[in-house]
Amino acid sequence: QVQLKESGGGLVRPGDSLRLSCVKSGDIPDNFMAMAWFRQAPGKEREFLATVSWSGGTTYHSNSVAKRFTISRVNAKNAVYLQMNNLNIEDTATYYCARSRGKWADQDPSQYILWGQGTQVTVSS
């Protein structure tokens, strides 16, 4: 059974940085699909943040975070990362990684068929 596990969340202050990790387990070797990060804050809809192609060669970030967040992946580690810089209070949310059914996917959540449990990021002064 393929699973995704996020880590790296925590309590930070405005202006701090965090790197989130998402590790895939239980898959057949070298079965890489596009991956993405989403987040959801209490009382708000799920928000797309960034996506990366199966090889890592192509990425797309939402305009809202493009200047501060960077998605990347290391297939040899079955891992996807989200580097988040200059965090602010509005970034407080649960962050989820997701795996698509194809080699590339965009911001549409319906393209993602496997989701992790999420990691909490809280930004507070």
PDB file of N, CA and C in Angstrom:
ATOM      1  N   GLN A   1       0.836  -1.191   0.000  1.00  0.00           N
ATOM      2  CA  GLN A   1       0.000   0.000   0.000  1.00  0.00           C
ATOM      3  C   GLN A   1       0.876   1.249   0.000  1.00  0.00           C
ATOM      4  N   VAL A   2       0.674   2.090  -1.000  1.00  0.00           N
ATOM      5  CA  VAL A   2       1.463   3.299  -1.107  1.00  0.00           C
ATOM      6  C   VAL A   2       0.964   4.325  -0.087  1.00  0.00           C
ATOM      7  N   GLN A   3       1.899   4.934   0.594  1.00  0.00           N
ATOM      8  CA  GLN A   3       1.551   5.944   1.587  1.00  0.00           C
ATOM      9  C   GLN A   3       2.457   7.159   1.438  1.00  0.00           C
ATOM     10  N   LEU A   4       1.939   8.304   1.850  1.00  0.00           N
ATOM     11  CA  LEU A   4       2.699   9.544   1.900  1.00  0.00           C
ATOM     12  C   LEU A   4       2.730  10.029   3.338  1.00  0.00           C
ATOM     13  N   LYS A   5       3.907  10.451   3.763  1.00  0.00           N
ATOM     14  CA  LYS A   5       4.051  10.921   5.134  1.00  0.00           C
ATOM     15  C   LYS A   5       4.764  12.260   5.137  1.00  0.00           C
ATOM     16  N   GLU A   6       4.063  13.297   5.609  1.00  0.00           N
ATOM     17  CA  GLU A   6       4.658  14.614   5.709  1.00  0.00           C
ATOM     18  C   GLU A   6       5.351  14.804   7.064  1.00  0.00           C
ATOM     19  N   SER A   7       6.342  15.664   7.069  1.00  0.00           N
ATOM     20  CA  SER A   7       7.016  16.046   8.304  1.00  0.00           C
ATOM     21  C   SER A   7       7.642  17.416   8.126  1.00  0.00           C
ATOM     22  N   GLY A   8       8.096  17.972   9.229  1.00  0.00           N
ATOM     23  CA  GLY A   8       8.793  19.246   9.173  1.00  0.00           C
ATOM     24  C   GLY A   8       8.000  20.443   9.635  1.00  0.00           C
ATOM     25  N   GLY A   9       6.731  20.235   9.942  1.00  0.00           N
ATOM     26  CA  GLY A   9       5.932  21.341  10.436  1.00  0.00           C
ATOM     27  C   GLY A   9       6.319  21.703  11.860  1.00  0.00           C
ATOM     28  N   GLY A  10       5.736  22.788  12.335  1.00  0.00           N
ATOM     29  CA  GLY A  10       6.016  23.206  13.697  1.00  0.00           C
ATOM     30  C   GLY A  10       5.547  24.610  13.963  1.00  0.00           C
ATOM     31  N   LEU A  11       5.955  25.121  15.113  1.00  0.00           N
ATOM     32  CA  LEU A  11       5.620  26.476  15.524  1.00  0.00           C
ATOM     33  C   LEU A  11       6.818  27.384  15.255  1.00  0.00           C
ATOM     34  N   VAL A  12       6.607  28.405  14.459  1.00  0.00           N
ATOM     35  CA  VAL A  12       7.684  29.315  14.109  1.00  0.00           C
ATOM     36  C   VAL A  12       7.184  30.754  14.241  1.00  0.00           C
ATOM     37  N   ARG A  13       8.125  31.675  14.166  1.00  0.00           N
ATOM     38  CA  ARG A  13       7.792  33.097  14.255  1.00  0.00           C
ATOM     39  C   ARG A  13       7.726  33.718  12.863  1.00  0.00           C
ATOM     40  N   PRO A  14       7.014  34.800  12.718  1.00  0.00           N
ATOM     41  CA  PRO A  14       6.988  35.487  11.419  1.00  0.00           C
ATOM     42  C   PRO A  14       8.400  35.794  10.933  1.00  0.00           C
ATOM     43  N   GLY A  15       8.635  35.539   9.656  1.00  0.00           N
ATOM     44  CA  GLY A  15       9.947  35.754   9.072  1.00  0.00           C
ATOM     45  C   GLY A  15      10.833  34.525   9.066  1.00  0.00           C
ATOM     46  N   ASP A  16      10.452  33.499   9.810  1.00  0.00           N
ATOM     47  CA  ASP A  16      11.231  32.264   9.844  1.00  0.00           C
ATOM     48  C   ASP A  16      11.036  31.440   8.577  1.00  0.00           C
ATOM     49  N   SER A  17      11.847  30.405   8.467  1.00  0.00           N
ATOM     50  CA  SER A  17      11.762  29.458   7.347  1.00  0.00           C
ATOM     51  C   SER A  17      11.523  28.060   7.881  1.00  0.00           C
ATOM     52  N   LEU A  18      10.904  27.240   7.043  1.00  0.00           N
ATOM     53  CA  LEU A  18      10.706  25.824   7.313  1.00  0.00           C
ATOM     54  C   LEU A  18      10.866  25.058   6.023  1.00  0.00           C
ATOM     55  N   ARG A  19      11.316  23.817   6.146  1.00  0.00           N
ATOM     56  CA  ARG A  19      11.310  22.918   5.001  1.00  0.00           C
ATOM     57  C   ARG A  19      10.462  21.714   5.350  1.00  0.00           C
ATOM     58  N   LEU A  20       9.398  21.531   4.600  1.00  0.00           N
ATOM     59  CA  LEU A  20       8.540  20.371   4.769  1.00  0.00           C
ATOM     60  C   LEU A  20       9.029  19.235   3.887  1.00  0.00           C
ATOM     61  N   SER A  21       8.875  18.024   4.385  1.00  0.00           N
ATOM     62  CA  SER A  21       9.240  16.839   3.632  1.00  0.00           C
ATOM     63  C   SER A  21       8.034  15.932   3.481  1.00  0.00           C
ATOM     64  N   CYS A  22       8.025  15.207   2.397  1.00  0.00           N
ATOM     65  CA  CYS A  22       6.977  14.215   2.143  1.00  0.00           C
ATOM     66  C   CYS A  22       7.670  12.985   1.582  1.00  0.00           C
ATOM     67  N   VAL A  23       7.562  11.893   2.296  1.00  0.00           N
ATOM     68  CA  VAL A  23       8.226  10.662   1.872  1.00  0.00           C
ATOM     69  C   VAL A  23       7.186   9.617   1.477  1.00  0.00           C
ATOM     70  N   LYS A  24       7.421   9.019   0.329  1.00  0.00           N
ATOM     71  CA  LYS A  24       6.536   7.972  -0.182  1.00  0.00           C
ATOM     72  C   LYS A  24       7.079   6.615   0.212  1.00  0.00           C
ATOM     73  N   SER A  25       6.171   5.724   0.574  1.00  0.00           N
ATOM     74  CA  SER A  25       6.570   4.359   0.914  1.00  0.00           C
ATOM     75  C   SER A  25       5.584   3.373   0.329  1.00  0.00           C
ATOM     76  N   GLY A  26       6.026   2.129   0.196  1.00  0.00           N
ATOM     77  CA  GLY A  26       5.142   1.061  -0.234  1.00  0.00           C
ATOM     78  C   GLY A  26       4.881   0.966  -1.714  1.00  0.00           C
ATOM     79  N   ASP A  27       5.668   1.697  -2.520  1.00  0.00           N
ATOM     80  CA  ASP A  27       5.436   1.689  -3.964  1.00  0.00           C
ATOM     81  C   ASP A  27       6.436   0.773  -4.656  1.00  0.00           C
ATOM     82  N   ILE A  28       6.126   0.428  -5.903  1.00  0.00           N
ATOM     83  CA  ILE A  28       7.086  -0.326  -6.698  1.00  0.00           C
ATOM     84  C   ILE A  28       8.238   0.617  -7.057  1.00  0.00           C
ATOM     85  N   PRO A  29       9.424   0.091  -7.316  1.00  0.00           N
ATOM     86  CA  PRO A  29      10.578   0.962  -7.593  1.00  0.00           C
ATOM     87  C   PRO A  29      10.384   1.820  -8.831  1.00  0.00           C
ATOM     88  N   ASP A  30      10.894   3.054  -8.741  1.00  0.00           N
ATOM     89  CA  ASP A  30      10.949   3.966  -9.886  1.00  0.00           C
ATOM     90  C   ASP A  30       9.583   4.301 -10.465  1.00  0.00           C
ATOM     91  N   ASN A  31       8.562   4.269  -9.667  1.00  0.00           N
ATOM     92  CA  ASN A  31       7.215   4.608 -10.120  1.00  0.00           C
ATOM     93  C   ASN A  31       6.910   6.039  -9.683  1.00  0.00           C
ATOM     94  N   PHE A  32       7.406   6.991 -10.435  1.00  0.00           N
ATOM     95  CA  PHE A  32       7.320   8.393 -10.030  1.00  0.00           C
ATOM     96  C   PHE A  32       6.239   9.132 -10.809  1.00  0.00           C
ATOM     97  N   MET A  33       5.407   9.818 -10.078  1.00  0.00           N
ATOM     98  CA  MET A  33       4.349  10.644 -10.652  1.00  0.00           C
ATOM     99  C   MET A  33       4.504  12.081 -10.171  1.00  0.00           C
ATOM    100  N   ALA A  34       3.765  12.983 -10.770  1.00  0.00           N
ATOM    101  CA  ALA A  34       3.781  14.363 -10.304  1.00  0.00           C
ATOM    102  C   ALA A  34       3.291  14.426  -8.860  1.00  0.00           C
ATOM    103  N   MET A  35       3.862  15.371  -8.134  1.00  0.00           N
ATOM    104  CA  MET A  35       3.527  15.558  -6.727  1.00  0.00           C
ATOM    105  C   MET A  35       3.215  17.032  -6.486  1.00  0.00           C
ATOM    106  N   ALA A  36       2.469  17.280  -5.434  1.00  0.00           N
ATOM    107  CA  ALA A  36       2.098  18.660  -5.128  1.00  0.00           C
ATOM    108  C   ALA A  36       1.975  18.867  -3.635  1.00  0.00           C
ATOM    109  N   TRP A  37       1.982  20.142  -3.273  1.00  0.00           N
ATOM    110  CA  TRP A  37       1.692  20.552  -1.907  1.00  0.00           C
ATOM    111  C   TRP A  37       0.431  21.404  -1.910  1.00  0.00           C
ATOM    112  N   PHE A  38      -0.420  21.147  -0.957  1.00  0.00           N
ATOM    113  CA  PHE A  38      -1.608  21.943  -0.688  1.00  0.00           C
ATOM    114  C   PHE A  38      -1.606  22.317   0.792  1.00  0.00           C
ATOM    115  N   ARG A  39      -2.448  23.233   1.155  1.00  0.00           N
ATOM    116  CA  ARG A  39      -2.639  23.545   2.570  1.00  0.00           C
ATOM    117  C   ARG A  39      -4.096  23.885   2.816  1.00  0.00           C
ATOM    118  N   GLN A  40      -4.483  23.740   4.072  1.00  0.00           N
ATOM    119  CA  GLN A  40      -5.839  24.100   4.469  1.00  0.00           C
ATOM    120  C   GLN A  40      -5.810  24.702   5.864  1.00  0.00           C
ATOM    121  N   ALA A  41      -6.305  25.917   5.947  1.00  0.00           N
ATOM    122  CA  ALA A  41      -6.422  26.594   7.232  1.00  0.00           C
ATOM    123  C   ALA A  41      -7.828  26.382   7.785  1.00  0.00           C
ATOM    124  N   PRO A  42      -7.999  26.474   9.088  1.00  0.00           N
ATOM    125  CA  PRO A  42      -9.321  26.281   9.683  1.00  0.00           C
ATOM    126  C   PRO A  42     -10.357  27.214   9.071  1.00  0.00           C
ATOM    127  N   GLY A  43     -11.476  26.629   8.654  1.00  0.00           N
ATOM    128  CA  GLY A  43     -12.557  27.420   8.089  1.00  0.00           C
ATOM    129  C   GLY A  43     -12.342  27.876   6.668  1.00  0.00           C
ATOM    130  N   LYS A  44     -11.235  27.425   6.054  1.00  0.00           N
ATOM    131  CA  LYS A  44     -10.955  27.826   4.677  1.00  0.00           C
ATOM    132  C   LYS A  44     -10.888  26.612   3.775  1.00  0.00           C
ATOM    133  N   GLU A  45     -11.014  26.868   2.484  1.00  0.00           N
ATOM    134  CA  GLU A  45     -10.908  25.793   1.507  1.00  0.00           C
ATOM    135  C   GLU A  45      -9.436  25.386   1.323  1.00  0.00           C
ATOM    136  N   ARG A  46      -9.267  24.178   0.840  1.00  0.00           N
ATOM    137  CA  ARG A  46      -7.929  23.692   0.530  1.00  0.00           C
ATOM    138  C   ARG A  46      -7.321  24.563  -0.571  1.00  0.00           C
ATOM    139  N   GLU A  47      -6.064  24.898  -0.404  1.00  0.00           N
ATOM    140  CA  GLU A  47      -5.379  25.801  -1.314  1.00  0.00           C
ATOM    141  C   GLU A  47      -4.186  25.109  -1.962  1.00  0.00           C
ATOM    142  N   PHE A  48      -4.115  25.178  -3.269  1.00  0.00           N
ATOM    143  CA  PHE A  48      -2.962  24.653  -3.998  1.00  0.00           C
ATOM    144  C   PHE A  48      -1.763  25.563  -3.777  1.00  0.00           C
ATOM    145  N   LEU A  49      -0.583  24.957  -3.596  1.00  0.00           N
ATOM    146  CA  LEU A  49       0.635  25.733  -3.415  1.00  0.00           C
ATOM    147  C   LEU A  49       1.626  25.539  -4.558  1.00  0.00           C
ATOM    148  N   ALA A  50       1.945  24.285  -4.859  1.00  0.00           N
ATOM    149  CA  ALA A  50       2.982  24.041  -5.851  1.00  0.00           C
ATOM    150  C   ALA A  50       2.912  22.607  -6.322  1.00  0.00           C
ATOM    151  N   THR A  51       3.399  22.384  -7.550  1.00  0.00           N
ATOM    152  CA  THR A  51       3.457  21.050  -8.098  1.00  0.00           C
ATOM    153  C   THR A  51       4.792  20.835  -8.802  1.00  0.00           C
ATOM    154  N   VAL A  52       5.231  19.586  -8.853  1.00  0.00           N
ATOM    155  CA  VAL A  52       6.489  19.239  -9.496  1.00  0.00           C
ATOM    156  C   VAL A  52       6.270  17.994 -10.345  1.00  0.00           C
ATOM    157  N   SER A  53       6.855  17.988 -11.528  1.00  0.00           N
ATOM    158  CA  SER A  53       6.711  16.853 -12.433  1.00  0.00           C
ATOM    159  C   SER A  53       7.430  15.629 -11.894  1.00  0.00           C
ATOM    160  N   TRP A  54       7.203  14.514 -12.556  1.00  0.00           N
ATOM    161  CA  TRP A  54       7.740  13.245 -12.065  1.00  0.00           C
ATOM    162  C   TRP A  54       9.266  13.262 -11.950  1.00  0.00           C
ATOM    163  N   SER A  55       9.923  13.987 -12.819  1.00  0.00           N
ATOM    164  CA  SER A  55      11.384  14.018 -12.820  1.00  0.00           C
ATOM    165  C   SER A  55      11.944  15.149 -11.970  1.00  0.00           C
ATOM    166  N   GLY A  56      11.101  16.089 -11.624  1.00  0.00           N
ATOM    167  CA  GLY A  56      11.584  17.282 -10.925  1.00  0.00           C
ATOM    168  C   GLY A  56      11.984  18.395 -11.856  1.00  0.00           C
ATOM    169  N   GLY A  57      11.901  18.148 -13.148  1.00  0.00           N
ATOM    170  CA  GLY A  57      12.373  19.130 -14.104  1.00  0.00           C
ATOM    171  C   GLY A  57      11.445  20.302 -14.326  1.00  0.00           C
ATOM    172  N   THR A  58      10.192  20.128 -13.981  1.00  0.00           N
ATOM    173  CA  THR A  58       9.207  21.191 -14.179  1.00  0.00           C
ATOM    174  C   THR A  58       8.451  21.430 -12.880  1.00  0.00           C
ATOM    175  N   THR A  59       8.322  22.681 -12.521  1.00  0.00           N
ATOM    176  CA  THR A  59       7.562  23.037 -11.329  1.00  0.00           C
ATOM    177  C   THR A  59       6.602  24.172 -11.657  1.00  0.00           C
ATOM    178  N   TYR A  60       5.585  24.296 -10.829  1.00  0.00           N
ATOM    179  CA  TYR A  60       4.647  25.402 -10.934  1.00  0.00           C
ATOM    180  C   TYR A  60       4.209  25.773  -9.534  1.00  0.00           C
ATOM    181  N   HIS A  61       4.286  27.073  -9.236  1.00  0.00           N
ATOM    182  CA  HIS A  61       3.895  27.572  -7.923  1.00  0.00           C
ATOM    183  C   HIS A  61       2.733  28.536  -8.069  1.00  0.00           C
ATOM    184  N   SER A  62       1.833  28.516  -7.117  1.00  0.00           N
ATOM    185  CA  SER A  62       0.742  29.481  -7.153  1.00  0.00           C
ATOM    186  C   SER A  62       1.298  30.887  -6.938  1.00  0.00           C
ATOM    187  N   ASN A  63       0.638  31.841  -7.512  1.00  0.00           N
ATOM    188  CA  ASN A  63       1.111  33.222  -7.403  1.00  0.00           C
ATOM    189  C   ASN A  63       1.215  33.683  -5.955  1.00  0.00           C
ATOM    190  N   SER A  64       0.366  33.133  -5.111  1.00  0.00           N
ATOM    191  CA  SER A  64       0.319  33.593  -3.721  1.00  0.00           C
ATOM    192  C   SER A  64       1.575  33.239  -2.936  1.00  0.00           C
ATOM    193  N   VAL A  65       2.305  32.220  -3.367  1.00  0.00           N
ATOM    194  CA  VAL A  65       3.489  31.799  -2.607  1.00  0.00           C
ATOM    195  C   VAL A  65       4.748  31.726  -3.452  1.00  0.00           C
ATOM    196  N   ALA A  66       4.657  32.030  -4.721  1.00  0.00           N
ATOM    197  CA  ALA A  66       5.770  31.799  -5.658  1.00  0.00           C
ATOM    198  C   ALA A  66       7.059  32.507  -5.248  1.00  0.00           C
ATOM    199  N   LYS A  67       6.948  33.625  -4.593  1.00  0.00           N
ATOM    200  CA  LYS A  67       8.159  34.367  -4.238  1.00  0.00           C
ATOM    201  C   LYS A  67       8.783  33.871  -2.932  1.00  0.00           C
ATOM    202  N   ARG A  68       8.081  32.989  -2.235  1.00  0.00           N
ATOM    203  CA  ARG A  68       8.582  32.559  -0.921  1.00  0.00           C
ATOM    204  C   ARG A  68       8.729  31.050  -0.773  1.00  0.00           C
ATOM    205  N   PHE A  69       7.955  30.278  -1.538  1.00  0.00           N
ATOM    206  CA  PHE A  69       7.966  28.820  -1.405  1.00  0.00           C
ATOM    207  C   PHE A  69       8.597  28.193  -2.641  1.00  0.00           C
ATOM    208  N   THR A  70       9.295  27.064  -2.435  1.00  0.00           N
ATOM    209  CA  THR A  70       9.899  26.334  -3.545  1.00  0.00           C
ATOM    210  C   THR A  70       9.696  24.839  -3.356  1.00  0.00           C
ATOM    211  N   ILE A  71       9.138  24.207  -4.373  1.00  0.00           N
ATOM    212  CA  ILE A  71       8.951  22.760  -4.347  1.00  0.00           C
ATOM    213  C   ILE A  71      10.130  22.099  -5.055  1.00  0.00           C
ATOM    214  N   SER A  72      10.513  20.930  -4.552  1.00  0.00           N
ATOM    215  CA  SER A  72      11.571  20.146  -5.185  1.00  0.00           C
ATOM    216  C   SER A  72      11.361  18.687  -4.823  1.00  0.00           C
ATOM    217  N   ARG A  73      12.134  17.820  -5.475  1.00  0.00           N
ATOM    218  CA  ARG A  73      12.030  16.405  -5.173  1.00  0.00           C
ATOM    219  C   ARG A  73      13.367  15.720  -5.381  1.00  0.00           C
ATOM    220  N   VAL A  74      13.558  14.636  -4.659  1.00  0.00           N
ATOM    221  CA  VAL A  74      14.718  13.764  -4.842  1.00  0.00           C
ATOM    222  C   VAL A  74      14.170  12.354  -4.970  1.00  0.00           C
ATOM    223  N   ASN A  75      14.076  11.887  -6.193  1.00  0.00           N
ATOM    224  CA  ASN A  75      13.451  10.585  -6.426  1.00  0.00           C
ATOM    225  C   ASN A  75      14.225   9.445  -5.781  1.00  0.00           C
ATOM    226  N   ALA A  76      15.520   9.599  -5.683  1.00  0.00           N
ATOM    227  CA  ALA A  76      16.319   8.549  -5.050  1.00  0.00           C
ATOM    228  C   ALA A  76      15.943   8.356  -3.586  1.00  0.00           C
ATOM    229  N   LYS A  77      15.341   9.368  -2.998  1.00  0.00           N
ATOM    230  CA  LYS A  77      14.882   9.296  -1.617  1.00  0.00           C
ATOM    231  C   LYS A  77      13.372   9.185  -1.510  1.00  0.00           C
ATOM    232  N   ASN A  78      12.701   9.070  -2.656  1.00  0.00           N
ATOM    233  CA  ASN A  78      11.232   9.035  -2.669  1.00  0.00           C
ATOM    234  C   ASN A  78      10.647  10.215  -1.879  1.00  0.00           C
ATOM    235  N   ALA A  79      11.242  11.356  -2.059  1.00  0.00           N
ATOM    236  CA  ALA A  79      10.877  12.499  -1.236  1.00  0.00           C
ATOM    237  C   ALA A  79      10.574  13.734  -2.069  1.00  0.00           C
ATOM    238  N   VAL A  80       9.644  14.508  -1.563  1.00  0.00           N
ATOM    239  CA  VAL A  80       9.300  15.813  -2.117  1.00  0.00           C
ATOM    240  C   VAL A  80       9.400  16.822  -0.982  1.00  0.00           C
ATOM    241  N   TYR A  81       9.848  18.010  -1.316  1.00  0.00           N
ATOM    242  CA  TYR A  81      10.090  19.018  -0.294  1.00  0.00           C
ATOM    243  C   TYR A  81       9.354  20.315  -0.634  1.00  0.00           C
ATOM    244  N   LEU A  82       9.101  21.089   0.401  1.00  0.00           N
ATOM    245  CA  LEU A  82       8.579  22.436   0.222  1.00  0.00           C
ATOM    246  C   LEU A  82       9.383  23.359   1.120  1.00  0.00           C
ATOM    247  N   GLN A  83      10.237  24.147   0.496  1.00  0.00           N
ATOM    248  CA  GLN A  83      11.004  25.143   1.237  1.00  0.00           C
ATOM    249  C   GLN A  83      10.150  26.400   1.370  1.00  0.00           C
ATOM    250  N   MET A  84       9.929  26.829   2.592  1.00  0.00           N
ATOM    251  CA  MET A  84       9.074  27.982   2.854  1.00  0.00           C
ATOM    252  C   MET A  84       9.884  29.052   3.580  1.00  0.00           C
ATOM    253  N   ASN A  85       9.997  30.193   2.966  1.00  0.00           N
ATOM    254  CA  ASN A  85      10.768  31.294   3.531  1.00  0.00           C
ATOM    255  C   ASN A  85       9.866  32.460   3.907  1.00  0.00           C
ATOM    256  N   ASN A  86      10.354  33.286   4.807  1.00  0.00           N
ATOM    257  CA  ASN A  86       9.639  34.496   5.211  1.00  0.00           C
ATOM    258  C   ASN A  86       8.172  34.203   5.546  1.00  0.00           C
ATOM    259  N   LEU A  87       7.988  33.248   6.425  1.00  0.00           N
ATOM    260  CA  LEU A  87       6.631  32.844   6.784  1.00  0.00           C
ATOM    261  C   LEU A  87       5.899  33.964   7.508  1.00  0.00           C
ATOM    262  N   ASN A  88       4.602  34.022   7.295  1.00  0.00           N
ATOM    263  CA  ASN A  88       3.779  34.993   7.995  1.00  0.00           C
ATOM    264  C   ASN A  88       2.577  34.287   8.617  1.00  0.00           C
ATOM    265  N   ILE A  89       1.841  35.018   9.416  1.00  0.00           N
ATOM    266  CA  ILE A  89       0.753  34.423  10.188  1.00  0.00           C
ATOM    267  C   ILE A  89      -0.282  33.771   9.281  1.00  0.00           C
ATOM    268  N   GLU A  90      -0.456  34.342   8.095  1.00  0.00           N
ATOM    269  CA  GLU A  90      -1.442  33.790   7.153  1.00  0.00           C
ATOM    270  C   GLU A  90      -1.027  32.442   6.572  1.00  0.00           C
ATOM    271  N   ASP A  91       0.208  32.036   6.810  1.00  0.00           N
ATOM    272  CA  ASP A  91       0.664  30.720   6.352  1.00  0.00           C
ATOM    273  C   ASP A  91       0.300  29.609   7.327  1.00  0.00           C
ATOM    274  N   THR A  92      -0.282  29.948   8.453  1.00  0.00           N
ATOM    275  CA  THR A  92      -0.705  28.938   9.414  1.00  0.00           C
ATOM    276  C   THR A  92      -1.772  28.041   8.806  1.00  0.00           C
ATOM    277  N   ALA A  93      -1.492  26.749   8.782  1.00  0.00           N
ATOM    278  CA  ALA A  93      -2.401  25.794   8.143  1.00  0.00           C
ATOM    279  C   ALA A  93      -1.835  24.391   8.323  1.00  0.00           C
ATOM    280  N   THR A  94      -2.639  23.416   7.926  1.00  0.00           N
ATOM    281  CA  THR A  94      -2.146  22.058   7.781  1.00  0.00           C
ATOM    282  C   THR A  94      -1.707  21.877   6.339  1.00  0.00           C
ATOM    283  N   TYR A  95      -0.510  21.380   6.173  1.00  0.00           N
ATOM    284  CA  TYR A  95       0.086  21.242   4.842  1.00  0.00           C
ATOM    285  C   TYR A  95       0.072  19.771   4.437  1.00  0.00           C
ATOM    286  N   TYR A  96      -0.391  19.530   3.210  1.00  0.00           N
ATOM    287  CA  TYR A  96      -0.541  18.184   2.692  1.00  0.00           C
ATOM    288  C   TYR A  96       0.266  18.003   1.412  1.00  0.00           C
ATOM    289  N   CYS A  97       0.893  16.849   1.283  1.00  0.00           N
ATOM    290  CA  CYS A  97       1.441  16.502  -0.020  1.00  0.00           C
ATOM    291  C   CYS A  97       0.476  15.533  -0.697  1.00  0.00           C
ATOM    292  N   ALA A  98       0.556  15.509  -2.012  1.00  0.00           N
ATOM    293  CA  ALA A  98      -0.372  14.698  -2.788  1.00  0.00           C
ATOM    294  C   ALA A  98       0.322  14.170  -4.023  1.00  0.00           C
ATOM    295  N   ARG A  99      -0.100  12.995  -4.439  1.00  0.00           N
ATOM    296  CA  ARG A  99       0.477  12.339  -5.612  1.00  0.00           C
ATOM    297  C   ARG A  99      -0.572  12.241  -6.704  1.00  0.00           C
ATOM    298  N   SER A 100      -0.167  12.604  -7.913  1.00  0.00           N
ATOM    299  CA  SER A 100      -1.112  12.579  -9.016  1.00  0.00           C
ATOM    300  C   SER A 100      -1.119  11.220  -9.698  1.00  0.00           C
ATOM    301  N   ARG A 101      -2.007  11.077 -10.643  1.00  0.00           N
ATOM    302  CA  ARG A 101      -2.087   9.845 -11.425  1.00  0.00           C
ATOM    303  C   ARG A 101      -1.230   9.908 -12.678  1.00  0.00           C
ATOM    304  N   GLY A 102      -0.572  11.052 -12.924  1.00  0.00           N
ATOM    305  CA  GLY A 102       0.219  11.210 -14.131  1.00  0.00           C
ATOM    306  C   GLY A 102       1.583  11.815 -13.875  1.00  0.00           C
ATOM    307  N   LYS A 103       2.354  11.954 -14.939  1.00  0.00           N
ATOM    308  CA  LYS A 103       3.707  12.486 -14.856  1.00  0.00           C
ATOM    309  C   LYS A 103       3.718  13.998 -14.614  1.00  0.00           C
ATOM    310  N   TRP A 104       2.596  14.642 -14.946  1.00  0.00           N
ATOM    311  CA  TRP A 104       2.456  16.073 -14.691  1.00  0.00           C
ATOM    312  C   TRP A 104       1.015  16.343 -14.259  1.00  0.00           C
ATOM    313  N   ALA A 105       0.856  17.310 -13.399  1.00  0.00           N
ATOM    314  CA  ALA A 105      -0.472  17.696 -12.953  1.00  0.00           C
ATOM    315  C   ALA A 105      -0.449  19.168 -12.601  1.00  0.00           C
ATOM    316  N   ASP A 106      -1.614  19.787 -12.649  1.00  0.00           N
ATOM    317  CA  ASP A 106      -1.677  21.204 -12.306  1.00  0.00           C
ATOM    318  C   ASP A 106      -2.349  21.387 -10.952  1.00  0.00           C
ATOM    319  N   GLN A 107      -3.002  22.519 -10.732  1.00  0.00           N
ATOM    320  CA  GLN A 107      -3.498  22.833  -9.399  1.00  0.00           C
ATOM    321  C   GLN A 107      -4.844  22.206  -9.064  1.00  0.00           C
ATOM    322  N   ASP A 108      -5.430  21.477  -9.990  1.00  0.00           N
ATOM    323  CA  ASP A 108      -6.731  20.859  -9.755  1.00  0.00           C
ATOM    324  C   ASP A 108      -6.596  19.686  -8.790  1.00  0.00           C
ATOM    325  N   PRO A 109      -7.204  19.756  -7.602  1.00  0.00           N
ATOM    326  CA  PRO A 109      -7.050  18.680  -6.617  1.00  0.00           C
ATOM    327  C   PRO A 109      -7.550  17.322  -7.101  1.00  0.00           C
ATOM    328  N   SER A 110      -8.480  17.321  -8.053  1.00  0.00           N
ATOM    329  CA  SER A 110      -9.033  16.054  -8.524  1.00  0.00           C
ATOM    330  C   SER A 110      -8.004  15.224  -9.287  1.00  0.00           C
ATOM    331  N   GLN A 111      -6.893  15.838  -9.672  1.00  0.00           N
ATOM    332  CA  GLN A 111      -5.845  15.102 -10.378  1.00  0.00           C
ATOM    333  C   GLN A 111      -4.953  14.307  -9.427  1.00  0.00           C
ATOM    334  N   TYR A 112      -5.152  14.498  -8.147  1.00  0.00           N
ATOM    335  CA  TYR A 112      -4.297  13.857  -7.150  1.00  0.00           C
ATOM    336  C   TYR A 112      -5.072  12.748  -6.455  1.00  0.00           C
ATOM    337  N   ILE A 113      -4.496  11.565  -6.477  1.00  0.00           N
ATOM    338  CA  ILE A 113      -5.230  10.387  -6.034  1.00  0.00           C
ATOM    339  C   ILE A 113      -4.765   9.845  -4.691  1.00  0.00           C
ATOM    340  N   LEU A 114      -3.683  10.389  -4.172  1.00  0.00           N
ATOM    341  CA  LEU A 114      -3.167   9.912  -2.898  1.00  0.00           C
ATOM    342  C   LEU A 114      -2.714  11.112  -2.089  1.00  0.00           C
ATOM    343  N   TRP A 115      -3.145  11.167  -0.832  1.00  0.00           N
ATOM    344  CA  TRP A 115      -2.838  12.298   0.037  1.00  0.00           C
ATOM    345  C   TRP A 115      -2.210  11.816   1.337  1.00  0.00           C
ATOM    346  N   GLY A 116      -1.321  12.639   1.878  1.00  0.00           N
ATOM    347  CA  GLY A 116      -0.786  12.355   3.193  1.00  0.00           C
ATOM    348  C   GLY A 116      -1.724  12.826   4.284  1.00  0.00           C
ATOM    349  N   GLN A 117      -1.316  12.601   5.531  1.00  0.00           N
ATOM    350  CA  GLN A 117      -2.131  12.977   6.682  1.00  0.00           C
ATOM    351  C   GLN A 117      -1.972  14.453   7.043  1.00  0.00           C
ATOM    352  N   GLY A 118      -0.917  15.066   6.561  1.00  0.00           N
ATOM    353  CA  GLY A 118      -0.713  16.487   6.814  1.00  0.00           C
ATOM    354  C   GLY A 118       0.254  16.755   7.947  1.00  0.00           C
ATOM    355  N   THR A 119       0.858  17.928   7.895  1.00  0.00           N
ATOM    356  CA  THR A 119       1.728  18.399   8.967  1.00  0.00           C
ATOM    357  C   THR A 119       1.330  19.842   9.287  1.00  0.00           C
ATOM    358  N   GLN A 120       1.249  20.151  10.553  1.00  0.00           N
ATOM    359  CA  GLN A 120       0.762  21.454  10.979  1.00  0.00           C
ATOM    360  C   GLN A 120       1.889  22.474  10.995  1.00  0.00           C
ATOM    361  N   VAL A 121       1.618  23.615  10.406  1.00  0.00           N
ATOM    362  CA  VAL A 121       2.524  24.754  10.466  1.00  0.00           C
ATOM    363  C   VAL A 121       1.785  25.894  11.157  1.00  0.00           C
ATOM    364  N   THR A 122       2.366  26.383  12.222  1.00  0.00           N
ATOM    365  CA  THR A 122       1.779  27.498  12.946  1.00  0.00           C
ATOM    366  C   THR A 122       2.793  28.629  13.015  1.00  0.00           C
ATOM    367  N   VAL A 123       2.382  29.778  12.535  1.00  0.00           N
ATOM    368  CA  VAL A 123       3.238  30.961  12.551  1.00  0.00           C
ATOM    369  C   VAL A 123       2.633  31.954  13.533  1.00  0.00           C
ATOM    370  N   SER A 124       3.380  32.247  14.567  1.00  0.00           N
ATOM    371  CA  SER A 124       2.859  33.120  15.617  1.00  0.00           C
ATOM    372  C   SER A 124       3.995  33.898  16.264  1.00  0.00           C
ATOM    373  N   SER A 125       3.695  35.129  16.616  1.00  0.00           N
ATOM    374  CA  SER A 125       4.691  35.944  17.299  1.00  0.00           C
ATOM    375  C   SER A 125       4.571  35.779  18.808  1.00  0.00           C
TER     376      SER A 125
END
